[in-house]
Structures are given as C-alpha cells and as structure tokens.
Amino acid sequence: MESDAEAARSSADRLALALEHAGFDVGQEFPALSDAIGHRGTAVVRIGDVLPAVADRLAAALRGDYGDR
C-alpha cells in the first residue's frame, strides 16, 4: 500500500505531466510544484504562486478552452 508521502509524490508527478500535456512549461510556470508534508503533518501537493496570465491559461485549460498559449 502506498504511503501518504508516496501518494503526494505520485500526485505531484501526475499533475506536472497533465500540465505539460496542456502546454505549460512546468519548470518555468509552476516552479514550486512539489510534494511536501504540510503544517499538520499530512502529505500535500504544493502548487505555489503563479502569474495571473498562467492562472488564466490554467482556468481555460480546466474549462477545455485551450485558446491562446
């Protein structure tokens, strides 16, 4: 069975791949994307701060409207 920390790591990896598939440069646009242990001792996926333009593109990708990249 996968530990919580392993699950967070796998989830962060899957998210990074999905973002790349949607056309994002994860290293540049989501540099803080990582797995971590949160303040309450639980495993989390950190996405970090993103620029407004990146957030707009992410919102469009989630809506399925890939428009301008």
N, C-alpha and C. Protein backbone atom coordinates (compact mmCIF):
# COMPACT_ATOMS: atom_id res chain seq x y z
N MET A 1 0.84 -1.19 0.00
CA MET A 1 0.00 0.00 0.00
C MET A 1 0.88 1.25 0.00
N GLU A 2 0.48 2.24 -0.75
CA GLU A 2 1.24 3.47 -0.90
C GLU A 2 1.07 4.35 0.34
N SER A 3 2.19 4.87 0.85
CA SER A 3 2.12 5.79 2.00
C SER A 3 1.56 7.13 1.53
N ASP A 4 1.16 7.95 2.49
CA ASP A 4 0.64 9.28 2.16
C ASP A 4 1.70 10.10 1.42
N ALA A 5 2.94 10.01 1.86
CA ALA A 5 4.03 10.77 1.21
C ALA A 5 4.23 10.30 -0.22
N GLU A 6 4.19 8.98 -0.43
CA GLU A 6 4.33 8.44 -1.78
C GLU A 6 3.15 8.86 -2.66
N ALA A 7 1.96 8.87 -2.07
CA ALA A 7 0.77 9.28 -2.82
C ALA A 7 0.88 10.74 -3.25
N ALA A 8 1.39 11.60 -2.36
CA ALA A 8 1.57 13.01 -2.70
C ALA A 8 2.60 13.17 -3.81
N ARG A 9 3.67 12.40 -3.75
CA ARG A 9 4.70 12.45 -4.78
C ARG A 9 4.13 12.01 -6.13
N SER A 10 3.37 10.93 -6.12
CA SER A 10 2.75 10.45 -7.36
C SER A 10 1.75 11.46 -7.91
N SER A 11 0.98 12.06 -7.02
CA SER A 11 0.00 13.07 -7.44
C SER A 11 0.70 14.29 -8.04
N ALA A 12 1.79 14.73 -7.42
CA ALA A 12 2.54 15.87 -7.96
C ALA A 12 3.10 15.54 -9.34
N ASP A 13 3.59 14.33 -9.51
CA ASP A 13 4.11 13.91 -10.81
C ASP A 13 3.01 13.87 -11.86
N ARG A 14 1.85 13.32 -11.49
CA ARG A 14 0.73 13.26 -12.44
C ARG A 14 0.25 14.66 -12.82
N LEU A 15 0.21 15.56 -11.84
CA LEU A 15 -0.20 16.93 -12.12
C LEU A 15 0.80 17.60 -13.06
N ALA A 16 2.09 17.42 -12.82
CA ALA A 16 3.11 18.01 -13.69
C ALA A 16 2.96 17.50 -15.12
N LEU A 17 2.74 16.21 -15.28
CA LEU A 17 2.56 15.64 -16.62
C LEU A 17 1.31 16.19 -17.29
N ALA A 18 0.23 16.32 -16.54
CA ALA A 18 -1.01 16.86 -17.10
C ALA A 18 -0.83 18.32 -17.52
N LEU A 19 -0.12 19.09 -16.71
CA LEU A 19 0.15 20.49 -17.06
C LEU A 19 1.00 20.58 -18.32
N GLU A 20 2.03 19.72 -18.42
CA GLU A 20 2.85 19.70 -19.63
C GLU A 20 2.02 19.32 -20.84
N HIS A 21 1.15 18.34 -20.68
CA HIS A 21 0.28 17.91 -21.77
C HIS A 21 -0.63 19.05 -22.24
N ALA A 22 -1.02 19.91 -21.32
CA ALA A 22 -1.88 21.06 -21.65
C ALA A 22 -1.07 22.24 -22.20
N GLY A 23 0.26 22.08 -22.32
CA GLY A 23 1.08 23.11 -22.93
C GLY A 23 1.83 24.02 -21.98
N PHE A 24 1.82 23.71 -20.70
CA PHE A 24 2.53 24.54 -19.73
C PHE A 24 3.99 24.11 -19.62
N ASP A 25 4.86 25.05 -19.36
CA ASP A 25 6.25 24.77 -19.03
C ASP A 25 6.31 24.72 -17.51
N VAL A 26 6.19 23.52 -16.97
CA VAL A 26 6.04 23.36 -15.52
C VAL A 26 7.22 23.96 -14.76
N GLY A 27 8.42 23.76 -15.24
CA GLY A 27 9.60 24.28 -14.55
C GLY A 27 9.61 25.80 -14.47
N GLN A 28 9.08 26.45 -15.49
CA GLN A 28 9.05 27.91 -15.52
C GLN A 28 7.79 28.49 -14.90
N GLU A 29 6.65 27.87 -15.20
CA GLU A 29 5.36 28.44 -14.80
C GLU A 29 4.83 27.93 -13.46
N PHE A 30 5.32 26.77 -13.03
CA PHE A 30 4.94 26.20 -11.73
C PHE A 30 6.20 25.71 -11.01
N PRO A 31 7.16 26.61 -10.77
CA PRO A 31 8.44 26.16 -10.20
C PRO A 31 8.33 25.58 -8.79
N ALA A 32 7.28 25.89 -8.08
CA ALA A 32 7.14 25.38 -6.71
C ALA A 32 6.33 24.08 -6.64
N LEU A 33 5.88 23.57 -7.78
CA LEU A 33 5.08 22.34 -7.78
C LEU A 33 5.90 21.21 -7.18
N SER A 34 5.41 20.66 -6.07
CA SER A 34 6.15 19.61 -5.37
C SER A 34 5.25 18.91 -4.36
N ASP A 35 5.74 17.78 -3.89
CA ASP A 35 5.08 17.10 -2.78
C ASP A 35 5.77 17.56 -1.50
N ALA A 36 5.04 17.54 -0.40
CA ALA A 36 5.59 18.01 0.87
C ALA A 36 4.77 17.45 2.02
N ILE A 37 5.25 17.68 3.20
CA ILE A 37 4.48 17.39 4.42
C ILE A 37 3.98 18.74 4.92
N GLY A 38 2.67 18.88 5.01
CA GLY A 38 2.05 20.14 5.38
C GLY A 38 2.19 20.46 6.86
N HIS A 39 1.63 21.60 7.24
CA HIS A 39 1.74 22.11 8.61
C HIS A 39 1.15 21.15 9.65
N ARG A 40 0.16 20.40 9.28
CA ARG A 40 -0.48 19.48 10.23
C ARG A 40 0.08 18.06 10.13
N GLY A 41 1.19 17.92 9.42
CA GLY A 41 1.82 16.62 9.31
C GLY A 41 1.23 15.72 8.24
N THR A 42 0.36 16.27 7.39
CA THR A 42 -0.22 15.47 6.33
C THR A 42 0.50 15.73 5.01
N ALA A 43 0.53 14.73 4.17
CA ALA A 43 1.15 14.87 2.86
C ALA A 43 0.28 15.77 1.99
N VAL A 44 0.92 16.67 1.26
CA VAL A 44 0.21 17.61 0.39
C VAL A 44 0.95 17.75 -0.94
N VAL A 45 0.26 18.33 -1.92
CA VAL A 45 0.89 18.74 -3.17
C VAL A 45 0.85 20.26 -3.17
N ARG A 46 2.01 20.86 -3.29
CA ARG A 46 2.11 22.32 -3.33
C ARG A 46 2.19 22.77 -4.78
N ILE A 47 1.36 23.72 -5.12
CA ILE A 47 1.36 24.25 -6.48
C ILE A 47 2.14 25.56 -6.54
N GLY A 48 2.08 26.36 -5.51
CA GLY A 48 2.85 27.58 -5.44
C GLY A 48 2.17 28.76 -6.12
N ASP A 49 2.87 29.87 -6.13
CA ASP A 49 2.38 31.10 -6.74
C ASP A 49 2.57 31.03 -8.25
N VAL A 50 1.58 31.51 -8.99
CA VAL A 50 1.69 31.59 -10.44
C VAL A 50 1.30 32.99 -10.89
N LEU A 51 1.83 33.39 -12.02
CA LEU A 51 1.49 34.69 -12.59
C LEU A 51 0.02 34.70 -13.03
N PRO A 52 -0.61 35.86 -13.03
CA PRO A 52 -2.01 35.94 -13.45
C PRO A 52 -2.26 35.35 -14.84
N ALA A 53 -1.37 35.59 -15.78
CA ALA A 53 -1.55 35.04 -17.13
C ALA A 53 -1.53 33.51 -17.12
N VAL A 54 -0.68 32.94 -16.28
CA VAL A 54 -0.61 31.48 -16.16
C VAL A 54 -1.90 30.96 -15.53
N ALA A 55 -2.39 31.65 -14.51
CA ALA A 55 -3.66 31.26 -13.88
C ALA A 55 -4.81 31.32 -14.88
N ASP A 56 -4.81 32.33 -15.74
CA ASP A 56 -5.85 32.43 -16.76
C ASP A 56 -5.77 31.27 -17.74
N ARG A 57 -4.55 30.91 -18.15
CA ARG A 57 -4.39 29.77 -19.06
C ARG A 57 -4.80 28.47 -18.39
N LEU A 58 -4.48 28.33 -17.12
CA LEU A 58 -4.88 27.13 -16.37
C LEU A 58 -6.40 27.05 -16.28
N ALA A 59 -7.05 28.17 -16.00
CA ALA A 59 -8.51 28.19 -15.94
C ALA A 59 -9.11 27.79 -17.29
N ALA A 60 -8.54 28.31 -18.38
CA ALA A 60 -9.02 27.96 -19.71
C ALA A 60 -8.82 26.48 -19.99
N ALA A 61 -7.67 25.93 -19.57
CA ALA A 61 -7.40 24.51 -19.78
C ALA A 61 -8.39 23.65 -19.00
N LEU A 62 -8.71 24.06 -17.79
CA LEU A 62 -9.67 23.30 -16.98
C LEU A 62 -11.08 23.35 -17.58
N ARG A 63 -11.38 24.45 -18.24
CA ARG A 63 -12.67 24.57 -18.93
C ARG A 63 -12.67 23.82 -20.25
N GLY A 64 -11.48 23.44 -20.73
CA GLY A 64 -11.39 22.75 -22.01
C GLY A 64 -11.20 23.71 -23.18
N ASP A 65 -10.99 24.99 -22.91
CA ASP A 65 -10.79 26.00 -23.94
C ASP A 65 -9.31 26.36 -23.96
N TYR A 66 -8.53 25.71 -24.81
CA TYR A 66 -7.08 25.90 -24.79
C TYR A 66 -6.63 27.18 -25.47
N GLY A 67 -7.44 27.80 -26.29
CA GLY A 67 -7.19 29.12 -26.88
C GLY A 67 -5.75 29.47 -27.08
N ASP A 68 -5.39 30.72 -26.79
CA ASP A 68 -4.03 31.22 -26.96
C ASP A 68 -3.13 30.65 -25.87
N ARG A 69 -1.94 30.29 -26.27
CA ARG A 69 -0.95 29.79 -25.30
C ARG A 69 0.18 30.75 -25.28
